[in-house]
Amino acid sequence: MLPSDDELTARVLRIIAETQRRDPATVSIDNTFDELSIDSMDAVNIVFAVENEFSIDVPDDDVRTIRTVRDVVDGVRRLVVAKASTAS
């Protein structure tokens, strides 16, 4: 079953907060990685955590284009939907 948009967003925000050791209240969908001081190594850790959480594989090309929290949420949503459509 697909997570709701709100649930998916909340899970991604929690993952970013946990990997960055930040208070979840300080992470919003409108943050850029620069605002959160997320560098390329941090981004890789976030991608690994997202892949584990949602049982998806994020293509390398997608990883290179992630610059905001919204990019992560939108990418995860797209991959989760694609996975669900191929599973049915």
C-alpha atoms as a PDB file:
ATOM      1  CA  MET A   1       0.000   0.000   0.000  1.00  0.00           C
ATOM      2  CA  LEU A   2       1.275   3.452  -0.899  1.00  0.00           C
ATOM      3  CA  PRO A   3       1.945   5.886   1.928  1.00  0.00           C
ATOM      4  CA  SER A   4      -0.149   9.050   1.857  1.00  0.00           C
ATOM      5  CA  ASP A   5       1.607  12.211   0.695  1.00  0.00           C
ATOM      6  CA  ASP A   6       1.662  13.498   4.283  1.00  0.00           C
ATOM      7  CA  GLU A   7       3.075  10.236   5.634  1.00  0.00           C
ATOM      8  CA  LEU A   8       5.728  10.035   2.927  1.00  0.00           C
ATOM      9  CA  THR A   9       6.769  13.634   3.553  1.00  0.00           C
ATOM     10  CA  ALA A  10       6.909  13.078   7.324  1.00  0.00           C
ATOM     11  CA  ARG A  11       9.061   9.976   6.890  1.00  0.00           C
ATOM     12  CA  VAL A  12      11.513  11.795   4.596  1.00  0.00           C
ATOM     13  CA  LEU A  13      11.718  14.763   7.000  1.00  0.00           C
ATOM     14  CA  ARG A  14      12.387  12.353   9.892  1.00  0.00           C
ATOM     15  CA  ILE A  15      15.152  10.605   7.924  1.00  0.00           C
ATOM     16  CA  ILE A  16      16.839  13.909   7.078  1.00  0.00           C
ATOM     17  CA  ALA A  17      16.604  15.093  10.686  1.00  0.00           C
ATOM     18  CA  GLU A  18      18.020  11.808  11.998  1.00  0.00           C
ATOM     19  CA  THR A  19      20.895  11.584   9.519  1.00  0.00           C
ATOM     20  CA  GLN A  20      21.815  15.218  10.217  1.00  0.00           C
ATOM     21  CA  ARG A  21      21.305  14.884  13.994  1.00  0.00           C
ATOM     22  CA  ARG A  22      18.880  17.797  13.926  1.00  0.00           C
ATOM     23  CA  ASP A  23      15.664  18.502  15.748  1.00  0.00           C
ATOM     24  CA  PRO A  24      12.926  17.375  13.310  1.00  0.00           C
ATOM     25  CA  ALA A  25      11.154  20.685  13.930  1.00  0.00           C
ATOM     26  CA  THR A  26      14.073  22.456  12.204  1.00  0.00           C
ATOM     27  CA  VAL A  27      13.636  20.584   8.904  1.00  0.00           C
ATOM     28  CA  SER A  28      10.916  21.581   6.445  1.00  0.00           C
ATOM     29  CA  ILE A  29      10.048  20.550   2.913  1.00  0.00           C
ATOM     30  CA  ASP A  30      11.015  24.047   1.757  1.00  0.00           C
ATOM     31  CA  ASN A  31      14.627  23.834   3.025  1.00  0.00           C
ATOM     32  CA  THR A  32      17.528  23.651   0.623  1.00  0.00           C
ATOM     33  CA  PHE A  33      20.445  21.390   1.404  1.00  0.00           C
ATOM     34  CA  ASP A  34      22.618  24.514   1.688  1.00  0.00           C
ATOM     35  CA  GLU A  35      20.326  25.916   4.395  1.00  0.00           C
ATOM     36  CA  LEU A  36      20.648  22.654   6.325  1.00  0.00           C
ATOM     37  CA  SER A  37      24.441  22.466   5.749  1.00  0.00           C
ATOM     38  CA  ILE A  38      24.047  19.157   3.913  1.00  0.00           C
ATOM     39  CA  ASP A  39      27.106  18.350   1.829  1.00  0.00           C
ATOM     40  CA  SER A  40      27.520  15.624  -0.793  1.00  0.00           C
ATOM     41  CA  MET A  41      28.508  12.949   1.750  1.00  0.00           C
ATOM     42  CA  ASP A  42      25.487  13.829   3.890  1.00  0.00           C
ATOM     43  CA  ALA A  43      23.299  13.582   0.783  1.00  0.00           C
ATOM     44  CA  VAL A  44      24.624  10.073   0.089  1.00  0.00           C
ATOM     45  CA  ASN A  45      23.774   9.038   3.653  1.00  0.00           C
ATOM     46  CA  ILE A  46      20.279  10.464   3.252  1.00  0.00           C
ATOM     47  CA  VAL A  47      19.817   8.564  -0.019  1.00  0.00           C
ATOM     48  CA  PHE A  48      20.913   5.282   1.612  1.00  0.00           C
ATOM     49  CA  ALA A  49      18.500   5.848   4.490  1.00  0.00           C
ATOM     50  CA  VAL A  50      15.647   6.691   2.107  1.00  0.00           C
ATOM     51  CA  GLU A  51      16.369   3.602   0.013  1.00  0.00           C
ATOM     52  CA  ASN A  52      16.220   1.418   3.134  1.00  0.00           C
ATOM     53  CA  GLU A  53      13.098   3.099   4.520  1.00  0.00           C
ATOM     54  CA  PHE A  54      11.075   2.780   1.322  1.00  0.00           C
ATOM     55  CA  SER A  55      12.740  -0.307  -0.250  1.00  0.00           C
ATOM     56  CA  ILE A  56      13.609   1.610  -3.415  1.00  0.00           C
ATOM     57  CA  ASP A  57      16.729   2.224  -5.493  1.00  0.00           C
ATOM     58  CA  VAL A  58      17.518   5.852  -6.259  1.00  0.00           C
ATOM     59  CA  PRO A  59      19.290   6.164  -9.637  1.00  0.00           C
ATOM     60  CA  ASP A  60      22.694   7.857  -9.509  1.00  0.00           C
ATOM     61  CA  ASP A  61      21.506  10.530 -11.961  1.00  0.00           C
ATOM     62  CA  ASP A  62      18.695  11.444  -9.542  1.00  0.00           C
ATOM     63  CA  VAL A  63      21.146  11.702  -6.641  1.00  0.00           C
ATOM     64  CA  ARG A  64      23.211  14.271  -8.532  1.00  0.00           C
ATOM     65  CA  THR A  65      20.203  16.569  -9.011  1.00  0.00           C
ATOM     66  CA  ILE A  66      18.965  16.643  -5.400  1.00  0.00           C
ATOM     67  CA  ARG A  67      19.323  20.144  -3.933  1.00  0.00           C
ATOM     68  CA  THR A  68      16.301  20.519  -1.647  1.00  0.00           C
ATOM     69  CA  VAL A  69      14.191  18.543   0.782  1.00  0.00           C
ATOM     70  CA  ARG A  70      11.325  18.828  -1.717  1.00  0.00           C
ATOM     71  CA  ASP A  71      13.549  17.175  -4.372  1.00  0.00           C
ATOM     72  CA  VAL A  72      13.964  14.198  -2.041  1.00  0.00           C
ATOM     73  CA  VAL A  73      10.228  13.976  -1.267  1.00  0.00           C
ATOM     74  CA  ASP A  74       9.236  14.279  -4.937  1.00  0.00           C
ATOM     75  CA  GLY A  75      11.839  11.730  -6.026  1.00  0.00           C
ATOM     76  CA  VAL A  76      10.838   9.227  -3.366  1.00  0.00           C
ATOM     77  CA  ARG A  77       7.154   9.666  -4.253  1.00  0.00           C
ATOM     78  CA  ARG A  78       7.896   9.041  -7.937  1.00  0.00           C
ATOM     79  CA  LEU A  79       9.957   5.912  -7.185  1.00  0.00           C
ATOM     80  CA  VAL A  80       7.430   4.514  -4.683  1.00  0.00           C
ATOM     81  CA  VAL A  81       4.584   4.985  -7.161  1.00  0.00           C
ATOM     82  CA  ALA A  82       6.621   3.393  -9.977  1.00  0.00           C
ATOM     83  CA  LYS A  83       7.503   0.429  -7.755  1.00  0.00           C
ATOM     84  CA  ALA A  84       3.863  -0.059  -6.754  1.00  0.00           C
ATOM     85  CA  SER A  85       2.698   0.053 -10.372  1.00  0.00           C
ATOM     86  CA  THR A  86       5.192  -2.619 -11.439  1.00  0.00           C
ATOM     87  CA  ALA A  87       4.292  -4.823  -8.454  1.00  0.00           C
ATOM     88  CA  SER A  88       0.607  -4.967  -9.357  1.00  0.00           C
END
